[in-house]
């Protein structure tokens, strides 16, 4: 392991501990040449997963790309960075447990939606709107209805209950269109 400051290859480990819920090892190191300290993480190297895109193109699974998409959906929702990391860890773990090493991007999208539905309904709607390429408010209403139908009455959040009687008025060309979520 090279020192990130002086590039010297000799260092000593000062401290090791489990990190990321046992998924990695965090090591605090000290360079024997310059004396500066730095932190490294060790993770298990998994067999690569290939993602088959909608276009048919193939690319390697990228957990950081997945995290970025989830983070965008979770902006200003109160979902913590640790919760988002946990979602990515769980999805990656699910994919690693499969025998088949190829997965479609749509399967990954559905896994994300499944996890987000338990974490934040707002994040779920945001992610679904991009992943499913919503074309208009009808797509949002249908997704909200889907969320309502998959929650028992006691599990509904105030945001979802308030949509039961919501009526939106749209005006794109000067005319009004009323859309009811009922």
N, C-alpha and C. Protein backbone atom coordinates (compact mmCIF):
# COMPACT_ATOMS: atom_id res chain seq x y z
N UNK A 1 0.86 -1.17 0.00
CA UNK A 1 0.00 0.00 0.00
C UNK A 1 0.90 1.23 0.00
N UNK A 2 0.74 2.08 -0.98
CA UNK A 2 1.56 3.29 -1.09
C UNK A 2 0.95 4.43 -0.29
N UNK A 3 1.82 5.23 0.30
CA UNK A 3 1.40 6.42 1.02
C UNK A 3 0.81 7.41 0.00
N UNK A 4 -0.39 7.95 0.25
CA UNK A 4 -0.98 8.89 -0.70
C UNK A 4 -0.26 10.24 -0.74
N UNK A 5 0.63 10.48 0.24
CA UNK A 5 1.33 11.76 0.32
C UNK A 5 2.71 11.73 -0.33
N UNK A 6 3.50 10.67 -0.02
CA UNK A 6 4.87 10.62 -0.55
C UNK A 6 5.11 9.43 -1.48
N UNK A 7 4.12 8.57 -1.65
CA UNK A 7 4.17 7.40 -2.53
C UNK A 7 5.12 6.30 -2.06
N UNK A 8 5.62 6.41 -0.82
CA UNK A 8 6.49 5.38 -0.26
C UNK A 8 5.64 4.14 0.03
N UNK A 9 6.21 2.96 -0.18
CA UNK A 9 5.41 1.74 -0.05
C UNK A 9 5.45 1.10 1.34
N UNK A 10 6.31 1.58 2.23
CA UNK A 10 6.38 0.99 3.57
C UNK A 10 5.55 1.80 4.55
N UNK A 11 4.64 1.09 5.24
CA UNK A 11 3.82 1.73 6.28
C UNK A 11 3.45 0.68 7.30
N UNK A 12 2.92 1.14 8.40
CA UNK A 12 2.50 0.20 9.43
C UNK A 12 1.04 0.47 9.78
N UNK A 13 0.37 -0.59 10.18
CA UNK A 13 -1.04 -0.49 10.57
C UNK A 13 -1.11 -0.13 12.04
N UNK A 14 -1.78 0.97 12.34
CA UNK A 14 -1.93 1.43 13.71
C UNK A 14 -3.18 0.85 14.36
N UNK A 15 -4.22 0.68 13.55
CA UNK A 15 -5.50 0.25 14.09
C UNK A 15 -6.32 -0.40 12.98
N UNK A 16 -7.04 -1.46 13.31
CA UNK A 16 -7.96 -2.11 12.37
C UNK A 16 -9.30 -2.30 13.06
N UNK A 17 -10.37 -2.09 12.31
CA UNK A 17 -11.69 -2.34 12.86
C UNK A 17 -12.67 -2.65 11.73
N UNK A 18 -13.72 -3.32 12.10
CA UNK A 18 -14.77 -3.65 11.15
C UNK A 18 -15.52 -2.37 10.78
N UNK A 19 -15.91 -2.26 9.53
CA UNK A 19 -16.65 -1.08 9.07
C UNK A 19 -17.78 -1.52 8.15
N UNK A 20 -18.69 -0.61 7.90
CA UNK A 20 -19.80 -0.84 6.98
C UNK A 20 -20.54 -2.13 7.32
N UNK A 21 -20.90 -2.27 8.58
CA UNK A 21 -21.67 -3.42 9.07
C UNK A 21 -20.98 -4.75 8.74
N UNK A 22 -19.67 -4.77 8.90
CA UNK A 22 -18.91 -5.99 8.68
C UNK A 22 -18.58 -6.28 7.23
N UNK A 23 -18.92 -5.37 6.34
CA UNK A 23 -18.66 -5.56 4.91
C UNK A 23 -17.24 -5.16 4.51
N UNK A 24 -16.55 -4.46 5.39
CA UNK A 24 -15.18 -4.04 5.07
C UNK A 24 -14.38 -3.90 6.36
N UNK A 25 -13.08 -3.73 6.19
CA UNK A 25 -12.17 -3.51 7.31
C UNK A 25 -11.53 -2.15 7.12
N UNK A 26 -11.61 -1.33 8.14
CA UNK A 26 -11.00 0.01 8.12
C UNK A 26 -9.65 -0.09 8.82
N UNK A 27 -8.61 0.39 8.16
CA UNK A 27 -7.27 0.36 8.75
C UNK A 27 -6.68 1.76 8.77
N UNK A 28 -6.17 2.13 9.92
CA UNK A 28 -5.46 3.40 10.08
C UNK A 28 -3.98 3.07 9.93
N UNK A 29 -3.31 3.75 9.02
CA UNK A 29 -1.91 3.45 8.71
C UNK A 29 -1.03 4.68 8.91
N UNK A 30 0.27 4.41 9.10
CA UNK A 30 1.25 5.48 9.22
C UNK A 30 2.41 5.16 8.28
N UNK A 31 2.77 6.14 7.45
CA UNK A 31 3.88 5.98 6.52
C UNK A 31 5.19 5.97 7.31
N UNK A 32 6.07 5.02 7.01
CA UNK A 32 7.34 4.93 7.71
C UNK A 32 8.36 5.95 7.20
N UNK A 33 8.10 6.56 6.05
CA UNK A 33 9.02 7.56 5.51
C UNK A 33 8.64 8.97 5.98
N UNK A 34 7.41 9.40 5.68
CA UNK A 34 7.03 10.79 5.99
C UNK A 34 6.28 10.92 7.32
N UNK A 35 5.83 9.80 7.89
CA UNK A 35 5.17 9.84 9.19
C UNK A 35 3.70 10.25 9.15
N UNK A 36 3.17 10.54 7.98
CA UNK A 36 1.76 10.96 7.88
C UNK A 36 0.85 9.75 7.99
N UNK A 37 -0.36 10.00 8.47
CA UNK A 37 -1.33 8.93 8.66
C UNK A 37 -2.43 9.00 7.61
N UNK A 38 -2.93 7.83 7.27
CA UNK A 38 -4.03 7.76 6.30
C UNK A 38 -4.87 6.53 6.60
N UNK A 39 -6.07 6.50 6.04
CA UNK A 39 -7.02 5.43 6.28
C UNK A 39 -7.25 4.65 4.99
N UNK A 40 -7.30 3.32 5.12
CA UNK A 40 -7.63 2.48 3.98
C UNK A 40 -8.81 1.59 4.36
N UNK A 41 -9.51 1.11 3.36
CA UNK A 41 -10.62 0.19 3.55
C UNK A 41 -10.38 -1.05 2.69
N UNK A 42 -10.64 -2.20 3.26
CA UNK A 42 -10.54 -3.45 2.52
C UNK A 42 -11.95 -4.01 2.38
N UNK A 43 -12.29 -4.42 1.17
CA UNK A 43 -13.58 -5.04 0.88
C UNK A 43 -13.34 -6.36 0.17
N UNK A 44 -14.30 -7.22 0.27
CA UNK A 44 -14.25 -8.45 -0.50
C UNK A 44 -14.44 -8.09 -1.96
N UNK A 45 -13.61 -8.65 -2.81
CA UNK A 45 -13.77 -8.40 -4.24
C UNK A 45 -14.74 -9.45 -4.78
N UNK A 46 -15.88 -8.96 -5.19
CA UNK A 46 -16.91 -9.85 -5.70
C UNK A 46 -16.67 -10.17 -7.17
N UNK A 47 -17.26 -11.27 -7.61
CA UNK A 47 -17.24 -11.59 -9.02
C UNK A 47 -18.03 -10.50 -9.73
N UNK A 48 -17.50 -9.94 -10.81
CA UNK A 48 -18.17 -8.82 -11.46
C UNK A 48 -19.58 -9.17 -11.95
N UNK A 49 -20.45 -8.20 -11.83
CA UNK A 49 -21.82 -8.32 -12.33
C UNK A 49 -21.91 -7.45 -13.57
N UNK A 50 -22.51 -7.99 -14.61
CA UNK A 50 -22.70 -7.23 -15.84
C UNK A 50 -24.15 -6.77 -15.91
N UNK A 51 -24.33 -5.49 -16.19
CA UNK A 51 -25.66 -4.91 -16.31
C UNK A 51 -25.99 -4.80 -17.80
N UNK A 52 -27.17 -5.32 -18.15
CA UNK A 52 -27.64 -5.21 -19.53
C UNK A 52 -28.58 -4.01 -19.59
N UNK A 53 -28.15 -2.99 -20.32
CA UNK A 53 -28.92 -1.75 -20.43
C UNK A 53 -30.14 -1.95 -21.33
N UNK A 54 -31.05 -0.97 -21.31
CA UNK A 54 -32.24 -1.03 -22.17
C UNK A 54 -31.88 -1.12 -23.64
N UNK A 55 -30.76 -0.52 -24.00
CA UNK A 55 -30.31 -0.52 -25.40
C UNK A 55 -29.67 -1.84 -25.80
N UNK A 56 -29.43 -2.72 -24.83
CA UNK A 56 -28.74 -3.97 -25.10
C UNK A 56 -27.26 -3.91 -24.81
N UNK A 57 -26.75 -2.70 -24.59
CA UNK A 57 -25.34 -2.55 -24.23
C UNK A 57 -25.08 -3.20 -22.87
N UNK A 58 -23.86 -3.62 -22.68
CA UNK A 58 -23.47 -4.23 -21.41
C UNK A 58 -22.39 -3.37 -20.75
N UNK A 59 -22.50 -3.24 -19.43
CA UNK A 59 -21.47 -2.53 -18.67
C UNK A 59 -21.36 -3.16 -17.29
N UNK A 60 -20.24 -2.94 -16.64
CA UNK A 60 -20.03 -3.48 -15.30
C UNK A 60 -20.93 -2.76 -14.30
N UNK A 61 -21.41 -3.51 -13.32
CA UNK A 61 -22.21 -2.92 -12.25
C UNK A 61 -21.37 -1.88 -11.53
N UNK A 62 -21.95 -0.72 -11.30
CA UNK A 62 -21.25 0.38 -10.65
C UNK A 62 -22.07 0.84 -9.45
N UNK A 63 -21.63 0.46 -8.26
CA UNK A 63 -22.38 0.79 -7.05
C UNK A 63 -22.45 2.30 -6.83
N UNK A 64 -21.45 3.03 -7.27
CA UNK A 64 -21.45 4.48 -7.07
C UNK A 64 -22.47 5.16 -7.99
N UNK A 65 -22.65 4.61 -9.17
CA UNK A 65 -23.68 5.12 -10.08
C UNK A 65 -25.06 4.88 -9.47
N UNK A 66 -25.25 3.70 -8.89
CA UNK A 66 -26.51 3.37 -8.23
C UNK A 66 -26.74 4.29 -7.04
N UNK A 67 -25.71 4.50 -6.24
CA UNK A 67 -25.82 5.39 -5.08
C UNK A 67 -26.17 6.81 -5.51
N UNK A 68 -25.58 7.26 -6.59
CA UNK A 68 -25.85 8.61 -7.09
C UNK A 68 -27.33 8.76 -7.48
N UNK A 69 -27.88 7.76 -8.14
CA UNK A 69 -29.29 7.80 -8.52
C UNK A 69 -30.21 7.78 -7.31
N UNK A 70 -29.87 6.98 -6.32
CA UNK A 70 -30.66 6.91 -5.10
C UNK A 70 -30.54 8.22 -4.33
N UNK A 71 -29.34 8.77 -4.28
CA UNK A 71 -29.13 10.04 -3.56
C UNK A 71 -29.94 11.16 -4.19
N UNK A 72 -30.01 11.19 -5.50
CA UNK A 72 -30.80 12.22 -6.18
C UNK A 72 -32.28 12.08 -5.82
N UNK A 73 -32.78 10.85 -5.78
CA UNK A 73 -34.18 10.62 -5.43
C UNK A 73 -34.46 10.97 -3.97
N UNK A 74 -33.45 10.84 -3.12
CA UNK A 74 -33.64 11.05 -1.68
C UNK A 74 -33.32 12.47 -1.22
N UNK A 75 -32.95 13.36 -2.14
CA UNK A 75 -32.62 14.74 -1.75
C UNK A 75 -33.76 15.37 -0.97
N UNK A 76 -33.41 15.99 0.14
CA UNK A 76 -34.35 16.74 0.98
C UNK A 76 -35.54 15.91 1.47
N UNK A 77 -35.30 14.61 1.69
CA UNK A 77 -36.36 13.74 2.21
C UNK A 77 -36.10 13.31 3.64
N UNK A 78 -34.93 13.62 4.16
CA UNK A 78 -34.59 13.18 5.50
C UNK A 78 -33.92 11.81 5.53
N UNK A 79 -33.77 11.18 4.38
CA UNK A 79 -33.07 9.90 4.31
C UNK A 79 -31.58 10.18 4.46
N UNK A 80 -30.95 9.49 5.39
CA UNK A 80 -29.54 9.74 5.67
C UNK A 80 -28.63 9.05 4.66
N UNK A 81 -27.40 9.51 4.60
CA UNK A 81 -26.40 8.90 3.72
C UNK A 81 -26.19 7.44 4.11
N UNK A 82 -26.22 7.15 5.40
CA UNK A 82 -26.05 5.77 5.87
C UNK A 82 -27.19 4.88 5.38
N UNK A 83 -28.41 5.40 5.39
CA UNK A 83 -29.55 4.62 4.90
C UNK A 83 -29.42 4.35 3.41
N UNK A 84 -28.96 5.35 2.66
CA UNK A 84 -28.77 5.17 1.22
C UNK A 84 -27.68 4.13 0.96
N UNK A 85 -26.58 4.21 1.71
CA UNK A 85 -25.50 3.23 1.57
C UNK A 85 -26.02 1.82 1.88
N UNK A 86 -26.86 1.71 2.91
CA UNK A 86 -27.43 0.41 3.26
C UNK A 86 -28.27 -0.16 2.13
N UNK A 87 -29.05 0.69 1.47
CA UNK A 87 -29.86 0.24 0.34
C UNK A 87 -28.95 -0.30 -0.76
N UNK A 88 -27.90 0.44 -1.08
CA UNK A 88 -26.96 0.00 -2.12
C UNK A 88 -26.28 -1.30 -1.69
N UNK A 89 -25.87 -1.40 -0.42
CA UNK A 89 -25.25 -2.62 0.08
C UNK A 89 -26.19 -3.82 -0.06
N UNK A 90 -27.46 -3.62 0.31
CA UNK A 90 -28.44 -4.71 0.23
C UNK A 90 -28.69 -5.13 -1.21
N UNK A 91 -28.81 -4.16 -2.11
CA UNK A 91 -29.03 -4.49 -3.52
C UNK A 91 -27.81 -5.21 -4.09
N UNK A 92 -26.63 -4.71 -3.79
CA UNK A 92 -25.41 -5.36 -4.28
C UNK A 92 -25.30 -6.78 -3.74
N UNK A 93 -25.64 -6.95 -2.48
CA UNK A 93 -25.61 -8.28 -1.87
C UNK A 93 -26.61 -9.22 -2.55
N UNK A 94 -27.81 -8.72 -2.82
CA UNK A 94 -28.81 -9.53 -3.52
C UNK A 94 -28.30 -9.96 -4.90
N UNK A 95 -27.65 -9.04 -5.60
CA UNK A 95 -27.13 -9.35 -6.93
C UNK A 95 -25.98 -10.35 -6.85
N UNK A 96 -25.13 -10.23 -5.84
CA UNK A 96 -23.99 -11.13 -5.69
C UNK A 96 -24.43 -12.55 -5.35
N UNK A 97 -25.58 -12.68 -4.71
CA UNK A 97 -26.06 -14.01 -4.32
C UNK A 97 -26.66 -14.79 -5.48
N UNK A 98 -26.88 -14.12 -6.59
CA UNK A 98 -27.45 -14.79 -7.76
C UNK A 98 -26.38 -15.63 -8.45
N UNK A 99 -26.83 -16.71 -9.04
CA UNK A 99 -25.92 -17.57 -9.80
C UNK A 99 -25.57 -16.90 -11.13
N UNK A 100 -26.56 -16.29 -11.76
CA UNK A 100 -26.37 -15.62 -13.04
C UNK A 100 -25.65 -14.29 -12.79
N UNK A 101 -24.61 -14.02 -13.56
CA UNK A 101 -23.78 -12.83 -13.35
C UNK A 101 -24.22 -11.65 -14.19
N UNK A 102 -25.29 -11.80 -14.96
CA UNK A 102 -25.84 -10.70 -15.75
C UNK A 102 -27.21 -10.33 -15.21
N UNK A 103 -27.47 -9.04 -15.16
CA UNK A 103 -28.76 -8.54 -14.66
C UNK A 103 -29.18 -7.37 -15.53
N UNK A 104 -30.47 -7.27 -15.79
CA UNK A 104 -30.95 -6.15 -16.60
C UNK A 104 -31.07 -4.90 -15.74
N UNK A 105 -30.93 -3.77 -16.37
CA UNK A 105 -31.06 -2.50 -15.64
C UNK A 105 -32.47 -2.37 -15.07
N UNK A 106 -33.46 -2.97 -15.75
CA UNK A 106 -34.83 -2.91 -15.23
C UNK A 106 -34.98 -3.71 -13.94
N UNK A 107 -34.27 -4.83 -13.81
CA UNK A 107 -34.30 -5.60 -12.56
C UNK A 107 -33.70 -4.78 -11.42
N UNK A 108 -32.61 -4.09 -11.70
CA UNK A 108 -31.98 -3.24 -10.68
C UNK A 108 -32.94 -2.12 -10.29
N UNK A 109 -33.58 -1.51 -11.28
CA UNK A 109 -34.55 -0.45 -11.00
C UNK A 109 -35.67 -0.92 -10.10
N UNK A 110 -36.17 -2.13 -10.35
CA UNK A 110 -37.25 -2.67 -9.51
C UNK A 110 -36.75 -2.96 -8.09
N UNK A 111 -35.51 -3.43 -7.97
CA UNK A 111 -34.94 -3.63 -6.63
C UNK A 111 -34.85 -2.31 -5.87
N UNK A 112 -34.41 -1.26 -6.56
CA UNK A 112 -34.32 0.06 -5.94
C UNK A 112 -35.70 0.52 -5.49
N UNK A 113 -36.69 0.39 -6.36
CA UNK A 113 -38.05 0.82 -6.01
C UNK A 113 -38.57 0.05 -4.81
N UNK A 114 -38.30 -1.24 -4.77
CA UNK A 114 -38.73 -2.06 -3.65
C UNK A 114 -38.14 -1.55 -2.33
N UNK A 115 -36.86 -1.22 -2.34
CA UNK A 115 -36.21 -0.71 -1.13
C UNK A 115 -36.70 0.69 -0.79
N UNK A 116 -36.84 1.56 -1.80
CA UNK A 116 -37.27 2.93 -1.53
C UNK A 116 -38.71 2.99 -1.02
N UNK A 117 -39.55 2.05 -1.43
CA UNK A 117 -40.94 2.06 -0.96
C UNK A 117 -41.02 1.89 0.55
N UNK A 118 -40.04 1.22 1.12
CA UNK A 118 -40.00 1.03 2.58
C UNK A 118 -39.27 2.17 3.28
N UNK A 119 -38.49 2.93 2.53
CA UNK A 119 -37.65 3.98 3.11
C UNK A 119 -38.29 5.35 3.03
N UNK A 120 -38.78 5.72 1.85
CA UNK A 120 -39.36 7.05 1.66
C UNK A 120 -40.26 7.03 0.43
N UNK A 121 -41.53 7.36 0.64
CA UNK A 121 -42.47 7.38 -0.48
C UNK A 121 -42.12 8.48 -1.48
N UNK A 122 -41.62 9.60 -0.97
CA UNK A 122 -41.23 10.70 -1.86
C UNK A 122 -40.06 10.26 -2.74
N UNK A 123 -39.07 9.61 -2.14
CA UNK A 123 -37.93 9.12 -2.92
C UNK A 123 -38.38 8.06 -3.93
N UNK A 124 -39.34 7.23 -3.53
CA UNK A 124 -39.89 6.22 -4.43
C UNK A 124 -40.48 6.88 -5.67
N UNK A 125 -41.32 7.90 -5.46
CA UNK A 125 -41.97 8.60 -6.57
C UNK A 125 -40.93 9.27 -7.47
N UNK A 126 -39.94 9.91 -6.85
CA UNK A 126 -38.90 10.58 -7.65
C UNK A 126 -38.13 9.58 -8.50
N UNK A 127 -37.73 8.47 -7.88
CA UNK A 127 -36.96 7.47 -8.63
C UNK A 127 -37.82 6.86 -9.73
N UNK A 128 -39.07 6.53 -9.40
CA UNK A 128 -39.97 5.93 -10.38
C UNK A 128 -40.20 6.86 -11.56
N UNK A 129 -40.28 8.16 -11.30
CA UNK A 129 -40.56 9.11 -12.38
C UNK A 129 -39.44 9.14 -13.42
N UNK A 130 -38.22 8.92 -12.98
CA UNK A 130 -37.09 8.89 -13.92
C UNK A 130 -36.94 7.49 -14.52
N UNK A 131 -36.96 6.48 -13.66
CA UNK A 131 -36.76 5.10 -14.09
C UNK A 131 -37.85 4.64 -15.07
N UNK A 132 -39.08 5.00 -14.78
CA UNK A 132 -40.20 4.58 -15.64
C UNK A 132 -40.57 5.63 -16.68
N UNK A 133 -39.78 6.68 -16.76
CA UNK A 133 -39.94 7.73 -17.78
C UNK A 133 -41.37 8.28 -17.81
N UNK A 134 -41.80 8.85 -16.69
CA UNK A 134 -43.14 9.43 -16.61
C UNK A 134 -43.30 10.49 -17.70
N UNK A 135 -44.46 10.48 -18.34
CA UNK A 135 -44.75 11.44 -19.41
C UNK A 135 -45.68 12.56 -18.96
N UNK A 136 -46.38 12.36 -17.86
CA UNK A 136 -47.31 13.38 -17.40
C UNK A 136 -47.82 13.07 -16.02
N UNK A 137 -48.75 13.89 -15.57
CA UNK A 137 -49.25 13.76 -14.21
C UNK A 137 -50.01 12.45 -14.01
N UNK A 138 -50.61 11.91 -15.06
CA UNK A 138 -51.33 10.64 -14.95
C UNK A 138 -50.39 9.55 -14.44
N UNK A 139 -49.15 9.53 -14.90
CA UNK A 139 -48.18 8.54 -14.43
C UNK A 139 -47.91 8.69 -12.94
N UNK A 140 -47.85 9.94 -12.46
CA UNK A 140 -47.65 10.18 -11.04
C UNK A 140 -48.86 9.68 -10.24
N UNK A 141 -50.05 9.99 -10.72
CA UNK A 141 -51.28 9.59 -10.03
C UNK A 141 -51.37 8.07 -9.95
N UNK A 142 -51.07 7.39 -11.05
CA UNK A 142 -51.12 5.92 -11.04
C UNK A 142 -50.11 5.34 -10.05
N UNK A 143 -48.94 5.93 -9.98
CA UNK A 143 -47.93 5.44 -9.05
C UNK A 143 -48.34 5.71 -7.61
N UNK A 144 -48.93 6.87 -7.35
CA UNK A 144 -49.44 7.16 -6.01
C UNK A 144 -50.53 6.17 -5.62
N UNK A 145 -51.42 5.86 -6.56
CA UNK A 145 -52.48 4.88 -6.29
C UNK A 145 -51.88 3.51 -6.00
N UNK A 146 -50.84 3.15 -6.75
CA UNK A 146 -50.15 1.88 -6.52
C UNK A 146 -49.57 1.83 -5.10
N UNK A 147 -48.95 2.93 -4.68
CA UNK A 147 -48.41 2.98 -3.31
C UNK A 147 -49.52 2.83 -2.29
N UNK A 148 -50.65 3.52 -2.51
CA UNK A 148 -51.77 3.43 -1.58
C UNK A 148 -52.29 2.01 -1.48
N UNK A 149 -52.42 1.34 -2.60
CA UNK A 149 -52.99 -0.01 -2.63
C UNK A 149 -52.07 -1.04 -1.99
N UNK A 150 -50.80 -0.75 -1.89
CA UNK A 150 -49.85 -1.69 -1.32
C UNK A 150 -49.50 -1.40 0.13
N UNK A 151 -50.23 -0.47 0.74
CA UNK A 151 -50.05 -0.19 2.16
C UNK A 151 -51.37 -0.49 2.87
N UNK A 152 -51.30 -1.05 4.03
CA UNK A 152 -52.53 -1.22 4.81
C UNK A 152 -52.92 0.14 5.36
N UNK A 153 -54.16 0.28 5.78
CA UNK A 153 -54.67 1.57 6.24
C UNK A 153 -53.80 2.14 7.37
N UNK A 154 -53.32 1.30 8.27
CA UNK A 154 -52.50 1.78 9.39
C UNK A 154 -51.11 2.21 8.99
N UNK A 155 -50.64 1.80 7.81
CA UNK A 155 -49.28 2.13 7.39
C UNK A 155 -49.21 3.36 6.51
N UNK A 156 -50.35 3.87 6.07
CA UNK A 156 -50.32 5.02 5.18
C UNK A 156 -49.76 6.23 5.90
N UNK A 157 -48.97 6.98 5.17
CA UNK A 157 -48.43 8.20 5.74
C UNK A 157 -49.37 9.35 5.43
N UNK A 158 -49.28 10.46 6.16
CA UNK A 158 -50.15 11.59 5.88
C UNK A 158 -50.05 12.06 4.44
N UNK A 159 -48.84 11.98 3.83
CA UNK A 159 -48.69 12.44 2.45
C UNK A 159 -49.54 11.61 1.50
N UNK A 160 -49.56 10.29 1.70
CA UNK A 160 -50.33 9.43 0.82
C UNK A 160 -51.82 9.61 1.05
N UNK A 161 -52.26 9.69 2.32
CA UNK A 161 -53.69 9.89 2.60
C UNK A 161 -54.19 11.18 2.00
N UNK A 162 -53.37 12.22 2.03
CA UNK A 162 -53.81 13.50 1.49
C UNK A 162 -53.99 13.44 -0.02
N UNK A 163 -53.36 12.48 -0.69
CA UNK A 163 -53.52 12.34 -2.13
C UNK A 163 -54.84 11.69 -2.50
N UNK A 164 -55.50 11.01 -1.53
CA UNK A 164 -56.74 10.33 -1.83
C UNK A 164 -57.81 11.29 -2.31
N UNK A 165 -57.79 12.51 -1.81
CA UNK A 165 -58.80 13.47 -2.21
C UNK A 165 -58.20 14.63 -3.00
N UNK A 166 -56.99 14.45 -3.46
CA UNK A 166 -56.31 15.54 -4.16
C UNK A 166 -56.88 15.72 -5.55
N UNK A 167 -57.04 16.96 -5.95
CA UNK A 167 -57.41 17.30 -7.31
C UNK A 167 -56.46 18.38 -7.77
N UNK A 168 -55.77 18.13 -8.88
CA UNK A 168 -54.83 19.10 -9.41
C UNK A 168 -55.43 19.75 -10.65
N UNK A 169 -55.20 21.02 -10.80
CA UNK A 169 -55.63 21.73 -11.99
C UNK A 169 -54.40 22.15 -12.76
N UNK A 170 -54.34 21.70 -14.02
CA UNK A 170 -53.19 22.00 -14.86
C UNK A 170 -53.60 22.98 -15.94
N UNK A 171 -52.68 23.80 -16.35
CA UNK A 171 -52.94 24.72 -17.44
C UNK A 171 -51.66 24.87 -18.24
N UNK A 172 -51.59 24.20 -19.37
CA UNK A 172 -50.39 24.29 -20.19
C UNK A 172 -50.59 25.23 -21.38
N UNK A 173 -51.82 25.30 -21.88
CA UNK A 173 -52.08 26.16 -23.03
C UNK A 173 -53.21 27.16 -22.74
N UNK A 174 -53.39 27.46 -21.47
CA UNK A 174 -54.44 28.39 -21.09
C UNK A 174 -55.73 27.70 -20.69
N UNK A 175 -55.88 26.40 -21.05
CA UNK A 175 -57.07 25.68 -20.63
C UNK A 175 -56.77 24.91 -19.37
N UNK A 176 -57.79 24.60 -18.61
CA UNK A 176 -57.61 23.89 -17.35
C UNK A 176 -58.07 22.45 -17.49
N UNK A 177 -57.32 21.57 -16.86
CA UNK A 177 -57.67 20.16 -16.85
C UNK A 177 -57.64 19.72 -15.40
N UNK A 178 -58.71 19.13 -14.92
CA UNK A 178 -58.76 18.65 -13.55
C UNK A 178 -58.46 17.16 -13.54
N UNK A 179 -57.53 16.76 -12.68
CA UNK A 179 -57.19 15.35 -12.55
C UNK A 179 -57.36 14.98 -11.10
N UNK A 180 -58.17 13.98 -10.86
CA UNK A 180 -58.43 13.55 -9.50
C UNK A 180 -57.68 12.27 -9.24
N UNK A 181 -57.15 12.13 -8.03
CA UNK A 181 -56.42 10.92 -7.66
C UNK A 181 -57.37 9.85 -7.15
N UNK A 182 -58.66 10.09 -7.13
CA UNK A 182 -59.63 9.09 -6.64
C UNK A 182 -59.86 8.02 -7.66
